[in-house]
Amino acid sequence: MSLLRKSFPVGPLQCNCTVIGDSETSLGLVFDPGGDPEIIMRVVTELELKIVALVHTHAHLDHFLASGEIKKRTGAPIHLHKSDKFLWDGLEQQCRAFGVPYVPQPDPDHWLGDDEALHWGGVAMHTPGHTPGSLCFYFDQHKLLIAGDTLFQGSIGRTDLWGGDPAAIERSIRQRLYTLDEAAVVVTGHGPETSIGQEMRHNMFVRA
């Protein structure tokens, strides 16, 4: 099979949304639909995919502001780690804090667990620190990590927001992410892509 992927910034804080799919089955996943539903659906149409799940790395507002609209258009269920339910439920407070218009979102349909299998050999990895329920998603066969706001190029996710934990994010990066293949491409929650090896050697916040 050939894994299709397109990552692109959406929403008021330019979160990286990722659409991936299988060229043989035409099934797809949307990761972090943080805004601009028209752009997301245009990518889904371009890749000719049927979306089967909306998957979230965490529940900060900029990563799920378009989830309800994408669910309405695709019928796909919303997936999240249960430890971030308080953030999902607190969307209105988050919007006020960041000066973003509040649009209610439907409740998640499925609570993702650590090491839970996804399509195409992917696995959910519980990587708390940025938020209590932060998840990364690793596709070993394709050497692809969708890291959300846990790991950035040369940086790491903030820990000064609701539920942040500096010690936890460092453990998550060292014990989970830095054990992955160094060649793996890292799709970050914001900004440019990187690789596990590059961050192990050059990340000034957490080095291997």
Protein backbone atom coordinates (compact mmCIF):
# COMPACT_ATOMS: atom_id res chain seq x y z
CA MET A 1 0.00 0.00 0.00
CA SER A 2 0.99 3.61 -0.45
CA LEU A 3 0.34 5.97 2.46
CA LEU A 4 -1.02 9.32 1.33
CA ARG A 5 -0.27 12.32 3.57
CA LYS A 6 -0.73 16.05 3.53
CA SER A 7 0.04 18.33 6.50
CA PHE A 8 -0.92 22.00 6.47
CA PRO A 9 -1.58 24.85 8.94
CA VAL A 10 -5.17 25.71 9.85
CA GLY A 11 -7.10 27.87 12.27
CA PRO A 12 -6.34 31.01 14.26
CA LEU A 13 -3.10 29.66 15.75
CA GLN A 14 -1.94 27.80 12.62
CA CYS A 15 -2.04 24.29 14.04
CA ASN A 16 -0.69 21.65 11.66
CA CYS A 17 -3.58 19.47 10.54
CA THR A 18 -2.64 16.16 8.89
CA VAL A 19 -4.75 14.04 6.57
CA ILE A 20 -3.45 10.54 5.90
CA GLY A 21 -4.96 7.68 3.98
CA ASP A 22 -4.47 4.44 2.10
CA SER A 23 -4.45 4.61 -1.69
CA GLU A 24 -5.82 1.05 -1.94
CA THR A 25 -8.82 1.29 0.40
CA SER A 26 -9.33 5.09 0.16
CA LEU A 27 -9.87 5.19 3.93
CA GLY A 28 -8.41 8.18 5.79
CA LEU A 29 -7.82 9.85 9.13
CA VAL A 30 -7.77 13.55 10.01
CA PHE A 31 -5.42 14.56 12.82
CA ASP A 32 -6.02 17.83 14.71
CA PRO A 33 -8.70 19.61 12.66
CA GLY A 34 -8.03 22.93 14.35
CA GLY A 35 -9.93 25.23 12.00
CA ASP A 36 -10.61 26.12 8.36
CA PRO A 37 -12.95 23.18 7.62
CA GLU A 38 -13.20 24.17 3.95
CA ILE A 39 -9.44 23.75 3.53
CA ILE A 40 -9.47 20.39 5.35
CA MET A 41 -12.33 19.06 3.26
CA ARG A 42 -10.66 20.26 0.07
CA VAL A 43 -7.59 18.16 0.96
CA VAL A 44 -9.81 15.16 1.78
CA THR A 45 -11.47 15.54 -1.63
CA GLU A 46 -8.14 15.93 -3.43
CA LEU A 47 -6.84 12.71 -1.84
CA GLU A 48 -10.17 10.97 -2.61
CA LEU A 49 -10.53 9.63 0.93
CA LYS A 50 -13.39 8.45 3.09
CA ILE A 51 -12.55 9.74 6.59
CA VAL A 52 -13.11 7.11 9.29
CA ALA A 53 -11.81 8.97 12.38
CA LEU A 54 -10.91 12.44 13.63
CA VAL A 55 -7.88 11.93 15.85
CA HIS A 56 -6.60 14.51 18.33
CA THR A 57 -3.15 14.84 19.85
CA HIS A 58 -4.64 16.89 22.70
CA ALA A 59 -7.51 19.23 23.55
CA HIS A 60 -6.13 22.74 23.33
CA LEU A 61 -8.60 24.85 21.37
CA ASP A 62 -6.41 25.32 18.30
CA HIS A 63 -6.35 21.57 17.65
CA PHE A 64 -10.11 20.92 17.56
CA LEU A 65 -12.01 24.06 16.58
CA ALA A 66 -13.20 22.44 13.32
CA SER A 67 -13.85 18.96 14.72
CA GLY A 68 -17.61 19.35 14.92
CA GLU A 69 -17.92 20.62 11.36
CA ILE A 70 -15.65 17.90 9.96
CA LYS A 71 -17.61 15.27 11.89
CA LYS A 72 -20.85 16.64 10.45
CA ARG A 73 -19.49 16.46 6.90
CA THR A 74 -17.80 13.06 7.14
CA GLY A 75 -19.70 11.21 9.87
CA ALA A 76 -16.34 10.22 11.38
CA PRO A 77 -16.08 9.74 15.17
CA ILE A 78 -13.92 11.99 17.36
CA HIS A 79 -10.99 10.33 19.18
CA LEU A 80 -9.20 11.81 22.22
CA HIS A 81 -7.39 10.69 25.38
CA LYS A 82 -9.73 10.86 28.36
CA SER A 83 -7.26 12.80 30.50
CA ASP A 84 -7.88 15.82 28.26
CA LYS A 85 -11.67 15.74 28.69
CA PHE A 86 -11.50 18.70 31.10
CA LEU A 87 -9.83 20.78 28.38
CA TRP A 88 -12.35 19.72 25.75
CA ASP A 89 -15.18 20.60 28.12
CA GLY A 90 -13.48 23.93 28.89
CA LEU A 91 -13.36 25.12 25.29
CA GLU A 92 -15.34 28.28 26.03
CA GLN A 93 -12.87 29.30 28.74
CA GLN A 94 -9.94 28.59 26.41
CA CYS A 95 -11.50 30.71 23.66
CA ARG A 96 -11.98 33.62 26.06
CA ALA A 97 -8.36 33.36 27.21
CA PHE A 98 -7.03 33.50 23.64
CA GLY A 99 -9.60 35.90 22.21
CA VAL A 100 -10.94 33.33 19.76
CA PRO A 101 -14.66 33.11 18.87
CA TYR A 102 -16.33 30.24 20.70
CA VAL A 103 -18.05 27.55 18.64
CA PRO A 104 -19.42 24.60 20.65
CA GLN A 105 -18.06 21.17 19.71
CA PRO A 106 -19.64 17.73 20.12
CA ASP A 107 -18.32 15.36 22.78
CA PRO A 108 -15.63 12.86 21.82
CA ASP A 109 -16.92 9.48 20.69
CA HIS A 110 -13.94 7.32 21.65
CA TRP A 111 -11.27 7.52 24.34
CA LEU A 112 -7.89 6.51 22.95
CA GLY A 113 -5.56 4.52 25.19
CA ASP A 114 -1.78 4.15 25.31
CA ASP A 115 -0.50 1.69 22.68
CA GLU A 116 -3.92 1.51 21.02
CA ALA A 117 -3.69 0.41 17.41
CA LEU A 118 -4.66 2.69 14.55
CA HIS A 119 -4.96 1.97 10.84
CA TRP A 120 -1.92 0.92 8.78
CA GLY A 121 0.14 -0.27 11.73
CA GLY A 122 -0.08 3.02 13.58
CA VAL A 123 -0.12 3.19 17.36
CA ALA A 124 -1.21 5.83 19.86
CA MET A 125 1.46 6.79 22.40
CA HIS A 126 0.42 8.54 25.62
CA THR A 127 2.98 11.33 26.03
CA PRO A 128 1.77 13.58 28.88
CA GLY A 129 3.41 16.89 29.68
CA HIS A 130 2.04 19.52 27.33
CA THR A 131 -1.35 18.35 28.56
CA PRO A 132 -2.25 15.35 30.75
CA GLY A 133 -3.78 13.51 27.81
CA SER A 134 -1.30 14.40 25.07
CA LEU A 135 -0.85 11.68 22.47
CA CYS A 136 1.63 11.09 19.68
CA PHE A 137 0.90 8.71 16.81
CA TYR A 138 3.63 6.55 15.29
CA PHE A 139 3.47 4.66 12.01
CA ASP A 140 6.54 2.43 12.18
CA GLN A 141 6.32 1.00 8.66
CA HIS A 142 6.22 4.50 7.23
CA LYS A 143 8.64 6.10 9.73
CA LEU A 144 6.15 8.82 10.55
CA LEU A 145 5.38 10.45 13.92
CA ILE A 146 2.51 12.88 14.40
CA ALA A 147 3.73 14.62 17.55
CA GLY A 148 1.21 17.34 18.25
CA ASP A 149 2.61 19.91 20.66
CA THR A 150 4.90 17.49 22.50
CA LEU A 151 7.96 17.94 20.26
CA PHE A 152 8.88 20.74 17.86
CA GLN A 153 11.87 21.46 15.66
CA GLY A 154 14.43 22.61 18.22
CA SER A 155 11.85 23.01 20.95
CA ILE A 156 9.14 21.33 23.04
CA GLY A 157 5.55 22.07 23.93
CA ARG A 158 4.60 24.71 26.48
CA THR A 159 3.94 23.50 30.01
CA ASP A 160 2.58 26.75 31.47
CA LEU A 161 -0.99 26.16 30.26
CA TRP A 162 -3.75 24.12 31.90
CA GLY A 163 -2.41 20.75 33.05
CA GLY A 164 1.14 21.27 31.81
CA ASP A 165 3.97 19.36 33.53
CA PRO A 166 7.65 20.07 32.64
CA ALA A 167 9.00 16.85 34.18
CA ALA A 168 6.36 14.76 32.42
CA ILE A 169 7.03 16.18 28.96
CA GLU A 170 10.75 15.54 29.33
CA ARG A 171 10.05 11.92 30.36
CA SER A 172 7.68 11.48 27.45
CA ILE A 173 10.24 12.72 24.96
CA ARG A 174 13.19 10.80 26.40
CA GLN A 175 11.45 7.52 27.20
CA ARG A 176 8.97 7.31 24.32
CA LEU A 177 9.87 9.52 21.39
CA TYR A 178 13.66 9.21 21.50
CA THR A 179 13.35 5.41 21.41
CA LEU A 180 11.83 5.57 17.91
CA ASP A 181 13.73 5.22 14.64
CA GLU A 182 16.02 8.23 14.22
CA ALA A 183 14.98 8.51 10.57
CA ALA A 184 11.32 8.98 11.46
CA VAL A 185 9.79 12.19 10.15
CA VAL A 186 8.15 14.25 12.91
CA VAL A 187 5.04 16.23 12.00
CA THR A 188 4.93 18.88 14.71
CA GLY A 189 1.85 20.65 16.04
CA HIS A 190 3.10 23.99 14.73
CA GLY A 191 5.91 24.96 12.39
CA PRO A 192 8.23 22.86 10.23
CA GLU A 193 8.71 19.11 10.24
CA THR A 194 11.84 17.56 11.73
CA SER A 195 13.19 14.08 12.49
CA ILE A 196 13.75 12.08 15.66
CA GLY A 197 17.50 11.95 15.05
CA GLN A 198 17.79 15.69 14.53
CA GLU A 199 15.98 16.41 17.79
CA MET A 200 17.98 13.83 19.74
CA ARG A 201 21.19 15.57 18.73
CA HIS A 202 20.22 19.23 18.51
CA ASN A 203 17.12 19.96 20.61
CA MET A 204 18.35 22.37 23.31
CA PHE A 205 15.45 21.55 25.64
CA VAL A 206 15.70 17.73 25.65
CA ARG A 207 18.75 15.99 24.24
CA ALA A 208 19.14 12.23 24.12
